[in-house]
């Protein structure tokens, strides 16, 4: 079970690939909210995607399949209750998560399991499977699989927004979950201008439906510097990012799509821990606030001190990072 969100579901794919590589005979089912199902579309390691809809409807769907083991990779109250209601004889989660009494296989958290408190989210996730029998070894890359119809849709959308067919482009991600995680839109505009003038690379800005608070400001800042198509579906966003020359963005779900499609990535971090949330196994550069973190558990840290805010990260720092990636 990994009900949401965009980046979190992408970061499930390394563990899924590792299990499938070890035991291709196993049927791997993933319970997920329907809006994120496209992330697993075309994944050869996934046997079935089960939509998490209404609670009772989802319980009936899960119970009819008689799963011998359920791994709760989410850990919240809804997923805990779904795990308990699954009827599975083996119900796996980490120690210390909510409603831990509903599980009968409790996995040590990162500090006990790995001997260090701060581990990447992918390492944290896969620890459930190591604990229950998956042999330890190199962890695969994250992967998503752009679908042909989504690629064709993006090939139509780009020219409609001024990007010539076949022209190199960058994807810029000015949105993020919290205001303190957002680098100023005006600085993204400067990055877009530099990419066009110095590198001959056009820029495409991703604005999701959840970016309504900043959309007007981003459109104003980016006018004349970047294309801003209407919000894309998850399938189209995967296709768009898969064709980009470089990805530049705040710490957000699309960062992990860029890594999963092998795109060189520059990430600007605010009060989130790059150790836990950096792009997994791809070329990247991280700009951060030099924050000091207290890892609360394997997939969560609390910033106890920030030496500077995200607003103080300079344009030239980001341009230098992009220059290194593009030269490579």
C-alpha atoms as a PDB file:
ATOM      1  CA  UNK A   1       0.000   0.000   0.000  1.00  0.00           C
ATOM      2  CA  UNK A   2       1.274   3.411  -1.037  1.00  0.00           C
ATOM      3  CA  UNK A   3      -1.803   5.547  -1.439  1.00  0.00           C
ATOM      4  CA  UNK A   4      -0.145   8.825  -2.494  1.00  0.00           C
ATOM      5  CA  UNK A   5       1.631  11.210  -3.463  1.00  0.00           C
ATOM      6  CA  UNK A   6       3.398  11.768  -6.787  1.00  0.00           C
ATOM      7  CA  UNK A   7       7.015  11.571  -5.630  1.00  0.00           C
ATOM      8  CA  UNK A   8       6.260   8.978  -2.967  1.00  0.00           C
ATOM      9  CA  UNK A   9       4.768   6.584  -5.504  1.00  0.00           C
ATOM     10  CA  UNK A  10       7.715   7.075  -7.873  1.00  0.00           C
ATOM     11  CA  UNK A  11      10.033   6.167  -4.992  1.00  0.00           C
ATOM     12  CA  UNK A  12       8.211   2.854  -4.563  1.00  0.00           C
ATOM     13  CA  UNK A  13       9.426   1.630  -7.936  1.00  0.00           C
ATOM     14  CA  UNK A  14      12.994   0.679  -6.870  1.00  0.00           C
ATOM     15  CA  UNK A  15      11.680  -1.698  -4.190  1.00  0.00           C
ATOM     16  CA  UNK A  16       9.097  -3.126  -6.592  1.00  0.00           C
ATOM     17  CA  UNK A  17      11.824  -3.736  -9.182  1.00  0.00           C
ATOM     18  CA  UNK A  18      14.085  -5.398  -6.593  1.00  0.00           C
ATOM     19  CA  UNK A  19      11.337  -7.792  -5.487  1.00  0.00           C
ATOM     20  CA  UNK A  20      10.426  -8.656  -9.081  1.00  0.00           C
ATOM     21  CA  UNK A  21      14.058  -9.274 -10.008  1.00  0.00           C
ATOM     22  CA  UNK A  22      14.494 -11.620  -7.036  1.00  0.00           C
ATOM     23  CA  UNK A  23      11.157 -13.419  -7.343  1.00  0.00           C
ATOM     24  CA  UNK A  24       9.594 -12.954 -10.794  1.00  0.00           C
ATOM     25  CA  UNK A  25       7.031 -15.598  -9.843  1.00  0.00           C
ATOM     26  CA  UNK A  26       5.419 -13.292  -7.280  1.00  0.00           C
ATOM     27  CA  UNK A  27       2.324 -11.320  -8.171  1.00  0.00           C
ATOM     28  CA  UNK A  28       2.864  -7.737  -6.997  1.00  0.00           C
ATOM     29  CA  UNK A  29      -0.276  -5.683  -6.486  1.00  0.00           C
ATOM     30  CA  UNK A  30      -0.149  -1.999  -5.553  1.00  0.00           C
ATOM     31  CA  UNK A  31      -3.005  -0.199  -3.802  1.00  0.00           C
ATOM     32  CA  UNK A  32      -2.956   3.455  -4.827  1.00  0.00           C
ATOM     33  CA  UNK A  33      -5.234   6.454  -5.240  1.00  0.00           C
ATOM     34  CA  UNK A  34      -6.510   6.546  -8.857  1.00  0.00           C
ATOM     35  CA  UNK A  35      -4.974   9.964  -9.621  1.00  0.00           C
ATOM     36  CA  UNK A  36      -1.474   8.498  -9.216  1.00  0.00           C
ATOM     37  CA  UNK A  37      -2.019   5.184 -11.020  1.00  0.00           C
ATOM     38  CA  UNK A  38      -0.349   6.476 -14.205  1.00  0.00           C
ATOM     39  CA  UNK A  39       3.010   6.377 -12.407  1.00  0.00           C
ATOM     40  CA  UNK A  40       2.892   2.574 -12.507  1.00  0.00           C
ATOM     41  CA  UNK A  41       1.468   2.295 -16.031  1.00  0.00           C
ATOM     42  CA  UNK A  42       3.582   0.005 -18.184  1.00  0.00           C
ATOM     43  CA  UNK A  43       5.730  -1.150 -15.253  1.00  0.00           C
ATOM     44  CA  UNK A  44       6.623  -4.794 -15.992  1.00  0.00           C
ATOM     45  CA  UNK A  45       7.107  -5.594 -12.291  1.00  0.00           C
ATOM     46  CA  UNK A  46       3.561  -4.626 -11.315  1.00  0.00           C
ATOM     47  CA  UNK A  47       0.900  -7.281 -11.825  1.00  0.00           C
ATOM     48  CA  UNK A  48      -2.115  -5.199 -10.812  1.00  0.00           C
ATOM     49  CA  UNK A  49      -2.915  -1.670  -9.685  1.00  0.00           C
ATOM     50  CA  UNK A  50      -5.834  -1.552  -7.249  1.00  0.00           C
ATOM     51  CA  UNK A  51      -7.654   1.758  -6.994  1.00  0.00           C
ATOM     52  CA  UNK A  52      -8.224   3.102  -3.491  1.00  0.00           C
ATOM     53  CA  UNK A  53     -11.733   4.562  -3.640  1.00  0.00           C
ATOM     54  CA  UNK A  54     -14.322   4.581  -0.878  1.00  0.00           C
ATOM     55  CA  UNK A  55     -13.154   2.795   2.276  1.00  0.00           C
ATOM     56  CA  UNK A  56     -15.677  -0.065   2.266  1.00  0.00           C
ATOM     57  CA  UNK A  57     -15.380  -0.520  -1.492  1.00  0.00           C
ATOM     58  CA  UNK A  58     -11.595  -0.737  -1.190  1.00  0.00           C
ATOM     59  CA  UNK A  59     -11.822  -3.198   1.717  1.00  0.00           C
ATOM     60  CA  UNK A  60     -14.097  -5.487  -0.309  1.00  0.00           C
ATOM     61  CA  UNK A  61     -11.735  -5.338  -3.289  1.00  0.00           C
ATOM     62  CA  UNK A  62      -8.686  -6.172  -1.191  1.00  0.00           C
ATOM     63  CA  UNK A  63     -10.332  -8.928   0.862  1.00  0.00           C
ATOM     64  CA  UNK A  64     -11.570 -10.802  -2.213  1.00  0.00           C
ATOM     65  CA  UNK A  65      -7.973 -11.238  -3.364  1.00  0.00           C
ATOM     66  CA  UNK A  66      -6.841 -13.090  -0.183  1.00  0.00           C
ATOM     67  CA  UNK A  67      -3.346 -11.631  -0.086  1.00  0.00           C
ATOM     68  CA  UNK A  68      -0.945 -13.704   2.032  1.00  0.00           C
ATOM     69  CA  UNK A  69       1.028 -10.559   2.939  1.00  0.00           C
ATOM     70  CA  UNK A  70       0.326  -6.827   2.906  1.00  0.00           C
ATOM     71  CA  UNK A  71       3.105  -4.244   3.212  1.00  0.00           C
ATOM     72  CA  UNK A  72       1.957  -0.838   4.404  1.00  0.00           C
ATOM     73  CA  UNK A  73       4.455   1.546   2.822  1.00  0.00           C
ATOM     74  CA  UNK A  74       2.270   4.540   3.655  1.00  0.00           C
ATOM     75  CA  UNK A  75       1.875   4.316   7.407  1.00  0.00           C
ATOM     76  CA  UNK A  76      -1.049   6.705   7.920  1.00  0.00           C
ATOM     77  CA  UNK A  77      -4.359   5.938   9.669  1.00  0.00           C
ATOM     78  CA  UNK A  78      -6.357   5.100   6.514  1.00  0.00           C
ATOM     79  CA  UNK A  79      -3.720   2.696   5.226  1.00  0.00           C
ATOM     80  CA  UNK A  80      -3.410   1.140   8.693  1.00  0.00           C
ATOM     81  CA  UNK A  81      -7.146   0.422   8.812  1.00  0.00           C
ATOM     82  CA  UNK A  82      -7.094  -0.927   5.251  1.00  0.00           C
ATOM     83  CA  UNK A  83      -4.203  -3.206   6.190  1.00  0.00           C
ATOM     84  CA  UNK A  84      -6.070  -4.488   9.237  1.00  0.00           C
ATOM     85  CA  UNK A  85      -9.246  -5.039   7.193  1.00  0.00           C
ATOM     86  CA  UNK A  86      -7.398  -6.853   4.394  1.00  0.00           C
ATOM     87  CA  UNK A  87      -7.670 -10.213   6.136  1.00  0.00           C
ATOM     88  CA  UNK A  88      -4.020 -10.890   5.348  1.00  0.00           C
ATOM     89  CA  UNK A  89      -2.254 -13.228   7.801  1.00  0.00           C
ATOM     90  CA  UNK A  90       0.934 -11.105   7.529  1.00  0.00           C
ATOM     91  CA  UNK A  91       0.567  -7.343   7.968  1.00  0.00           C
ATOM     92  CA  UNK A  92       3.843  -5.421   7.751  1.00  0.00           C
ATOM     93  CA  UNK A  93       4.771  -1.880   8.778  1.00  0.00           C
ATOM     94  CA  UNK A  94       7.488  -0.059  10.731  1.00  0.00           C
ATOM     95  CA  UNK A  95       7.668   0.259  14.492  1.00  0.00           C
ATOM     96  CA  UNK A  96       6.369   3.479  15.943  1.00  0.00           C
ATOM     97  CA  UNK A  97       3.893   4.315  13.197  1.00  0.00           C
ATOM     98  CA  UNK A  98       0.235   5.015  13.938  1.00  0.00           C
ATOM     99  CA  UNK A  99      -1.937   2.084  15.052  1.00  0.00           C
ATOM    100  CA  UNK A 100       1.063  -0.225  15.255  1.00  0.00           C
ATOM    101  CA  UNK A 101      -1.062  -2.754  17.180  1.00  0.00           C
ATOM    102  CA  UNK A 102      -2.822  -3.534  13.860  1.00  0.00           C
ATOM    103  CA  UNK A 103       0.355  -5.090  12.417  1.00  0.00           C
ATOM    104  CA  UNK A 104       1.898  -8.417  13.301  1.00  0.00           C
ATOM    105  CA  UNK A 105       5.252  -7.840  11.564  1.00  0.00           C
ATOM    106  CA  UNK A 106       6.964  -4.685  12.838  1.00  0.00           C
ATOM    107  CA  UNK A 107      10.136  -3.557  11.066  1.00  0.00           C
ATOM    108  CA  UNK A 108      12.849  -1.529  12.843  1.00  0.00           C
ATOM    109  CA  UNK A 109      13.071   2.083  11.745  1.00  0.00           C
ATOM    110  CA  UNK A 110      16.130   3.435   9.950  1.00  0.00           C
ATOM    111  CA  UNK A 111      18.428   4.076  12.894  1.00  0.00           C
ATOM    112  CA  UNK A 112      18.023   0.566  14.264  1.00  0.00           C
ATOM    113  CA  UNK A 113      17.975  -1.128  10.864  1.00  0.00           C
ATOM    114  CA  UNK A 114      20.793   0.733   9.093  1.00  0.00           C
ATOM    115  CA  UNK A 115      22.702   2.179  12.034  1.00  0.00           C
ATOM    116  CA  UNK A 116      22.042   5.759  10.892  1.00  0.00           C
ATOM    117  CA  UNK A 117      18.978   7.900  11.378  1.00  0.00           C
ATOM    118  CA  UNK A 118      18.926   9.709   8.044  1.00  0.00           C
ATOM    119  CA  UNK A 119      18.568   7.412   5.038  1.00  0.00           C
ATOM    120  CA  UNK A 120      17.072   8.024   1.627  1.00  0.00           C
ATOM    121  CA  UNK A 121      13.332   7.424   1.384  1.00  0.00           C
ATOM    122  CA  UNK A 122      14.013   4.559  -1.052  1.00  0.00           C
ATOM    123  CA  UNK A 123      16.273   2.848   1.509  1.00  0.00           C
ATOM    124  CA  UNK A 124      13.636   3.350   4.170  1.00  0.00           C
ATOM    125  CA  UNK A 125      10.909   1.789   2.012  1.00  0.00           C
ATOM    126  CA  UNK A 126      12.922  -1.244   0.984  1.00  0.00           C
ATOM    127  CA  UNK A 127      13.799  -2.058   4.612  1.00  0.00           C
ATOM    128  CA  UNK A 128      10.366  -3.701   5.011  1.00  0.00           C
ATOM    129  CA  UNK A 129      11.259  -6.162   2.268  1.00  0.00           C
ATOM    130  CA  UNK A 130      14.801  -6.762   3.537  1.00  0.00           C
ATOM    131  CA  UNK A 131      13.353  -7.534   6.967  1.00  0.00           C
ATOM    132  CA  UNK A 132      10.977 -10.109   5.516  1.00  0.00           C
ATOM    133  CA  UNK A 133      13.359 -11.951   3.202  1.00  0.00           C
ATOM    134  CA  UNK A 134      14.495  -9.891   0.206  1.00  0.00           C
ATOM    135  CA  UNK A 135      18.280 -10.381  -0.064  1.00  0.00           C
ATOM    136  CA  UNK A 136      20.198  -7.149   0.363  1.00  0.00           C
ATOM    137  CA  UNK A 137      21.956  -5.846  -2.696  1.00  0.00           C
ATOM    138  CA  UNK A 138      22.210  -2.854  -5.011  1.00  0.00           C
ATOM    139  CA  UNK A 139      18.897  -0.997  -5.094  1.00  0.00           C
ATOM    140  CA  UNK A 140      17.554  -0.378  -8.619  1.00  0.00           C
ATOM    141  CA  UNK A 141      16.791   3.018 -10.094  1.00  0.00           C
ATOM    142  CA  UNK A 142      13.330   4.504  -9.961  1.00  0.00           C
ATOM    143  CA  UNK A 143      11.481   4.016 -13.228  1.00  0.00           C
ATOM    144  CA  UNK A 144       8.386   5.299 -14.961  1.00  0.00           C
ATOM    145  CA  UNK A 145       7.324   4.391 -18.478  1.00  0.00           C
ATOM    146  CA  UNK A 146       6.028   7.128 -20.791  1.00  0.00           C
ATOM    147  CA  UNK A 147       3.082   5.868 -22.828  1.00  0.00           C
ATOM    148  CA  UNK A 148       2.833   6.381 -26.586  1.00  0.00           C
ATOM    149  CA  UNK A 149      -0.439   8.301 -26.545  1.00  0.00           C
ATOM    150  CA  UNK A 150       0.871  10.635 -23.834  1.00  0.00           C
ATOM    151  CA  UNK A 151       4.049  11.257 -25.862  1.00  0.00           C
ATOM    152  CA  UNK A 152       1.899  12.053 -28.888  1.00  0.00           C
ATOM    153  CA  UNK A 153      -0.213  14.428 -26.802  1.00  0.00           C
ATOM    154  CA  UNK A 154       2.880  16.284 -25.580  1.00  0.00           C
ATOM    155  CA  UNK A 155       4.187  16.433 -29.164  1.00  0.00           C
ATOM    156  CA  UNK A 156       1.017  18.373 -30.013  1.00  0.00           C
ATOM    157  CA  UNK A 157       1.039  20.562 -26.893  1.00  0.00           C
ATOM    158  CA  UNK A 158       4.618  21.840 -27.258  1.00  0.00           C
ATOM    159  CA  UNK A 159       4.197  23.484 -30.709  1.00  0.00           C
ATOM    160  CA  UNK A 160       0.924  24.994 -29.524  1.00  0.00           C
ATOM    161  CA  UNK A 161       2.997  26.734 -26.847  1.00  0.00           C
ATOM    162  CA  UNK A 162       5.789  27.938 -29.095  1.00  0.00           C
ATOM    163  CA  UNK A 163       8.249  25.031 -28.821  1.00  0.00           C
ATOM    164  CA  UNK A 164       9.250  23.848 -32.282  1.00  0.00           C
ATOM    165  CA  UNK A 165       9.113  20.085 -32.945  1.00  0.00           C
ATOM    166  CA  UNK A 166      12.427  18.480 -32.045  1.00  0.00           C
ATOM    167  CA  UNK A 167      13.782  21.597 -30.301  1.00  0.00           C
ATOM    168  CA  UNK A 168      15.609  20.982 -26.992  1.00  0.00           C
ATOM    169  CA  UNK A 169      13.693  22.119 -23.942  1.00  0.00           C
ATOM    170  CA  UNK A 170      14.000  22.245 -20.155  1.00  0.00           C
ATOM    171  CA  UNK A 171      11.200  21.637 -17.665  1.00  0.00           C
ATOM    172  CA  UNK A 172      10.967  24.142 -14.799  1.00  0.00           C
ATOM    173  CA  UNK A 173       9.037  23.394 -11.604  1.00  0.00           C
ATOM    174  CA  UNK A 174       8.356  26.577  -9.578  1.00  0.00           C
ATOM    175  CA  UNK A 175       5.630  24.979  -7.455  1.00  0.00           C
ATOM    176  CA  UNK A 176       6.068  23.082  -4.195  1.00  0.00           C
ATOM    177  CA  UNK A 177       3.897  21.937  -1.334  1.00  0.00           C
ATOM    178  CA  UNK A 178       4.711  24.780   1.091  1.00  0.00           C
ATOM    179  CA  UNK A 179       5.626  28.462   0.568  1.00  0.00           C
ATOM    180  CA  UNK A 180       8.969  28.006   2.331  1.00  0.00           C
ATOM    181  CA  UNK A 181       9.850  25.324  -0.237  1.00  0.00           C
ATOM    182  CA  UNK A 182       9.382  27.671  -3.228  1.00  0.00           C
ATOM    183  CA  UNK A 183      12.289  29.484  -4.854  1.00  0.00           C
ATOM    184  CA  UNK A 184      11.026  32.794  -6.306  1.00  0.00           C
ATOM    185  CA  UNK A 185       9.366  32.612  -9.713  1.00  0.00           C
ATOM    186  CA  UNK A 186      11.369  35.622 -10.893  1.00  0.00           C
ATOM    187  CA  UNK A 187      14.567  33.618 -10.451  1.00  0.00           C
ATOM    188  CA  UNK A 188      13.167  30.726 -12.431  1.00  0.00           C
ATOM    189  CA  UNK A 189      12.526  33.290 -15.166  1.00  0.00           C
ATOM    190  CA  UNK A 190      16.207  34.255 -15.070  1.00  0.00           C
ATOM    191  CA  UNK A 191      17.142  30.583 -15.407  1.00  0.00           C
ATOM    192  CA  UNK A 192      14.823  30.282 -18.422  1.00  0.00           C
ATOM    193  CA  UNK A 193      16.393  33.365 -20.022  1.00  0.00           C
ATOM    194  CA  UNK A 194      19.913  31.971 -19.463  1.00  0.00           C
ATOM    195  CA  UNK A 195      18.966  28.574 -20.895  1.00  0.00           C
ATOM    196  CA  UNK A 196      17.591  30.202 -24.044  1.00  0.00           C
ATOM    197  CA  UNK A 197      20.368  32.767 -24.579  1.00  0.00           C
ATOM    198  CA  UNK A 198      23.406  30.730 -23.510  1.00  0.00           C
ATOM    199  CA  UNK A 199      22.367  27.176 -24.300  1.00  0.00           C
ATOM    200  CA  UNK A 200      19.686  27.456 -26.970  1.00  0.00           C
ATOM    201  CA  UNK A 201      17.255  25.533 -24.783  1.00  0.00           C
ATOM    202  CA  UNK A 202      13.621  26.609 -24.489  1.00  0.00           C
ATOM    203  CA  UNK A 203      11.820  26.264 -21.153  1.00  0.00           C
ATOM    204  CA  UNK A 204       8.467  24.697 -20.338  1.00  0.00           C
ATOM    205  CA  UNK A 205       6.927  25.466 -16.938  1.00  0.00           C
ATOM    206  CA  UNK A 206       4.872  22.823 -15.164  1.00  0.00           C
ATOM    207  CA  UNK A 207       1.960  24.276 -13.217  1.00  0.00           C
ATOM    208  CA  UNK A 208      -0.249  21.646 -11.621  1.00  0.00           C
ATOM    209  CA  UNK A 209      -3.852  22.163 -10.482  1.00  0.00           C
ATOM    210  CA  UNK A 210      -2.485  22.449  -6.940  1.00  0.00           C
ATOM    211  CA  UNK A 211      -0.409  25.500  -7.871  1.00  0.00           C
ATOM    212  CA  UNK A 212      -3.393  27.848  -8.119  1.00  0.00           C
ATOM    213  CA  UNK A 213      -2.006  30.099  -5.348  1.00  0.00           C
ATOM    214  CA  UNK A 214       1.118  30.929  -7.330  1.00  0.00           C
ATOM    215  CA  UNK A 215      -0.100  30.465 -10.911  1.00  0.00           C
ATOM    216  CA  UNK A 216      -0.765  34.135 -11.683  1.00  0.00           C
ATOM    217  CA  UNK A 217       2.578  35.243 -10.263  1.00  0.00           C
ATOM    218  CA  UNK A 218       4.426  32.540 -12.182  1.00  0.00           C
ATOM    219  CA  UNK A 219       2.706  33.453 -15.444  1.00  0.00           C
ATOM    220  CA  UNK A 220       3.570  37.103 -14.957  1.00  0.00           C
ATOM    221  CA  UNK A 221       7.212  36.394 -14.070  1.00  0.00           C
ATOM    222  CA  UNK A 222       7.663  33.962 -16.953  1.00  0.00           C
ATOM    223  CA  UNK A 223       6.032  36.059 -19.666  1.00  0.00           C
ATOM    224  CA  UNK A 224       8.371  36.111 -22.653  1.00  0.00           C
ATOM    225  CA  UNK A 225      10.781  33.640 -21.071  1.00  0.00           C
ATOM    226  CA  UNK A 226       9.031  30.251 -20.998  1.00  0.00           C
ATOM    227  CA  UNK A 227       6.057  28.309 -22.311  1.00  0.00           C
ATOM    228  CA  UNK A 228       3.346  27.569 -19.757  1.00  0.00           C
ATOM    229  CA  UNK A 229       0.862  24.999 -21.066  1.00  0.00           C
ATOM    230  CA  UNK A 230      -2.417  24.286 -19.326  1.00  0.00           C
ATOM    231  CA  UNK A 231      -2.021  21.806 -16.427  1.00  0.00           C
ATOM    232  CA  UNK A 232      -1.042  18.388 -17.720  1.00  0.00           C
ATOM    233  CA  UNK A 233      -2.276  15.001 -16.630  1.00  0.00           C
ATOM    234  CA  UNK A 234       0.206  12.817 -14.751  1.00  0.00           C
ATOM    235  CA  UNK A 235       0.633  10.732 -17.902  1.00  0.00           C
ATOM    236  CA  UNK A 236       1.424  13.846 -19.968  1.00  0.00           C
ATOM    237  CA  UNK A 237       3.775  15.183 -17.302  1.00  0.00           C
ATOM    238  CA  UNK A 238       5.761  11.933 -17.391  1.00  0.00           C
ATOM    239  CA  UNK A 239       5.980  12.197 -21.168  1.00  0.00           C
ATOM    240  CA  UNK A 240       6.976  15.874 -21.044  1.00  0.00           C
ATOM    241  CA  UNK A 241       9.751  15.351 -18.495  1.00  0.00           C
ATOM    242  CA  UNK A 242      11.059  12.247 -20.259  1.00  0.00           C
ATOM    243  CA  UNK A 243      11.960  14.392 -23.293  1.00  0.00           C
ATOM    244  CA  UNK A 244      13.587  17.280 -21.405  1.00  0.00           C
ATOM    245  CA  UNK A 245      17.245  18.179 -21.761  1.00  0.00           C
ATOM    246  CA  UNK A 246      17.335  19.202 -18.074  1.00  0.00           C
ATOM    247  CA  UNK A 247      14.920  19.580 -15.165  1.00  0.00           C
ATOM    248  CA  UNK A 248      15.139  22.507 -12.729  1.00  0.00           C
ATOM    249  CA  UNK A 249      12.764  22.719  -9.806  1.00  0.00           C
ATOM    250  CA  UNK A 250      11.917  22.946  -6.154  1.00  0.00           C
ATOM    251  CA  UNK A 251      11.794  19.801  -4.042  1.00  0.00           C
ATOM    252  CA  UNK A 252       8.515  18.272  -5.271  1.00  0.00           C
ATOM    253  CA  UNK A 253       7.071  15.170  -6.893  1.00  0.00           C
ATOM    254  CA  UNK A 254       8.154  16.021 -10.460  1.00  0.00           C
ATOM    255  CA  UNK A 255      11.791  15.986  -9.294  1.00  0.00           C
ATOM    256  CA  UNK A 256      11.436  12.239  -8.831  1.00  0.00           C
ATOM    257  CA  UNK A 257       9.784  11.834 -12.227  1.00  0.00           C
ATOM    258  CA  UNK A 258      12.882  13.502 -13.696  1.00  0.00           C
ATOM    259  CA  UNK A 259      15.134  11.031 -11.895  1.00  0.00           C
ATOM    260  CA  UNK A 260      12.946   8.102 -12.941  1.00  0.00           C
ATOM    261  CA  UNK A 261      13.280   9.140 -16.598  1.00  0.00           C
ATOM    262  CA  UNK A 262      17.045   9.687 -16.306  1.00  0.00           C
ATOM    263  CA  UNK A 263      16.956  13.469 -16.723  1.00  0.00           C
ATOM    264  CA  UNK A 264      19.804  15.566 -15.257  1.00  0.00           C
ATOM    265  CA  UNK A 265      18.206  17.490 -12.423  1.00  0.00           C
ATOM    266  CA  UNK A 266      18.893  20.656 -10.426  1.00  0.00           C
ATOM    267  CA  UNK A 267      16.883  20.824  -7.209  1.00  0.00           C
ATOM    268  CA  UNK A 268      16.410  23.784  -4.859  1.00  0.00           C
ATOM    269  CA  UNK A 269      15.706  22.699  -1.262  1.00  0.00           C
ATOM    270  CA  UNK A 270      14.132  24.633   1.580  1.00  0.00           C
ATOM    271  CA  UNK A 271      13.328  22.935   4.913  1.00  0.00           C
ATOM    272  CA  UNK A 272      13.409  19.371   3.557  1.00  0.00           C
ATOM    273  CA  UNK A 273      16.337  17.028   3.976  1.00  0.00           C
ATOM    274  CA  UNK A 274      18.273  16.367   0.736  1.00  0.00           C
ATOM    275  CA  UNK A 275      19.732  13.210   2.294  1.00  0.00           C
ATOM    276  CA  UNK A 276      16.252  11.697   2.393  1.00  0.00           C
ATOM    277  CA  UNK A 277      14.732  13.257  -0.713  1.00  0.00           C
ATOM    278  CA  UNK A 278      17.424  13.777  -3.347  1.00  0.00           C
ATOM    279  CA  UNK A 279      16.870  12.414  -6.883  1.00  0.00           C
ATOM    280  CA  UNK A 280      17.539   8.686  -6.748  1.00  0.00           C
ATOM    281  CA  UNK A 281      20.358   7.391  -8.948  1.00  0.00           C
ATOM    282  CA  UNK A 282      20.506  10.101 -11.584  1.00  0.00           C
ATOM    283  CA  UNK A 283      22.843  13.029 -12.282  1.00  0.00           C
ATOM    284  CA  UNK A 284      21.739  15.904 -10.074  1.00  0.00           C
ATOM    285  CA  UNK A 285      22.872  19.021  -8.242  1.00  0.00           C
ATOM    286  CA  UNK A 286      21.277  20.142  -4.976  1.00  0.00           C
ATOM    287  CA  UNK A 287      21.103  23.740  -3.768  1.00  0.00           C
ATOM    288  CA  UNK A 288      20.050  23.985  -0.144  1.00  0.00           C
ATOM    289  CA  UNK A 289      19.781  26.260   2.852  1.00  0.00           C
ATOM    290  CA  UNK A 290      22.444  24.484   4.946  1.00  0.00           C
ATOM    291  CA  UNK A 291      19.691  23.466   7.342  1.00  0.00           C
ATOM    292  CA  UNK A 292      20.442  21.171  10.266  1.00  0.00           C
ATOM    293  CA  UNK A 293      17.967  18.309  10.582  1.00  0.00           C
ATOM    294  CA  UNK A 294      16.762  16.020  13.326  1.00  0.00           C
ATOM    295  CA  UNK A 295      15.687  12.796  11.584  1.00  0.00           C
ATOM    296  CA  UNK A 296      12.464  11.750  13.263  1.00  0.00           C
ATOM    297  CA  UNK A 297      12.241   8.526  11.258  1.00  0.00           C
ATOM    298  CA  UNK A 298      13.454   7.095   7.984  1.00  0.00           C
ATOM    299  CA  UNK A 299      11.235   9.207   5.750  1.00  0.00           C
ATOM    300  CA  UNK A 300      10.858  12.341   7.849  1.00  0.00           C
ATOM    301  CA  UNK A 301      13.148  15.009   9.316  1.00  0.00           C
ATOM    302  CA  UNK A 302      12.550  18.170  11.272  1.00  0.00           C
ATOM    303  CA  UNK A 303      14.659  21.210  10.339  1.00  0.00           C
ATOM    304  CA  UNK A 304      15.950  22.435  13.694  1.00  0.00           C
ATOM    305  CA  UNK A 305      18.032  25.250  12.264  1.00  0.00           C
ATOM    306  CA  UNK A 306      18.223  26.936   8.853  1.00  0.00           C
ATOM    307  CA  UNK A 307      21.297  29.055   8.223  1.00  0.00           C
ATOM    308  CA  UNK A 308      19.503  30.871   5.404  1.00  0.00           C
ATOM    309  CA  UNK A 309      16.094  30.833   3.748  1.00  0.00           C
ATOM    310  CA  UNK A 310      15.382  29.470   0.291  1.00  0.00           C
ATOM    311  CA  UNK A 311      14.977  33.090  -0.843  1.00  0.00           C
ATOM    312  CA  UNK A 312      18.717  33.675  -0.348  1.00  0.00           C
ATOM    313  CA  UNK A 313      19.803  30.958  -2.799  1.00  0.00           C
ATOM    314  CA  UNK A 314      21.206  32.953  -5.683  1.00  0.00           C
ATOM    315  CA  UNK A 315      20.470  32.625  -9.375  1.00  0.00           C
ATOM    316  CA  UNK A 316      24.152  32.132 -10.142  1.00  0.00           C
ATOM    317  CA  UNK A 317      24.293  29.115  -7.823  1.00  0.00           C
ATOM    318  CA  UNK A 318      21.520  27.479  -9.810  1.00  0.00           C
ATOM    319  CA  UNK A 319      23.034  28.470 -13.145  1.00  0.00           C
ATOM    320  CA  UNK A 320      26.396  26.986 -12.137  1.00  0.00           C
ATOM    321  CA  UNK A 321      24.661  23.726 -11.237  1.00  0.00           C
ATOM    322  CA  UNK A 322      22.813  23.666 -14.569  1.00  0.00           C
ATOM    323  CA  UNK A 323      26.021  24.464 -16.438  1.00  0.00           C
ATOM    324  CA  UNK A 324      27.799  21.500 -14.835  1.00  0.00           C
ATOM    325  CA  UNK A 325      24.976  19.126 -15.720  1.00  0.00           C
ATOM    326  CA  UNK A 326      24.671  20.346 -19.282  1.00  0.00           C
ATOM    327  CA  UNK A 327      28.429  20.157 -19.802  1.00  0.00           C
ATOM    328  CA  UNK A 328      28.371  16.585 -18.524  1.00  0.00           C
END
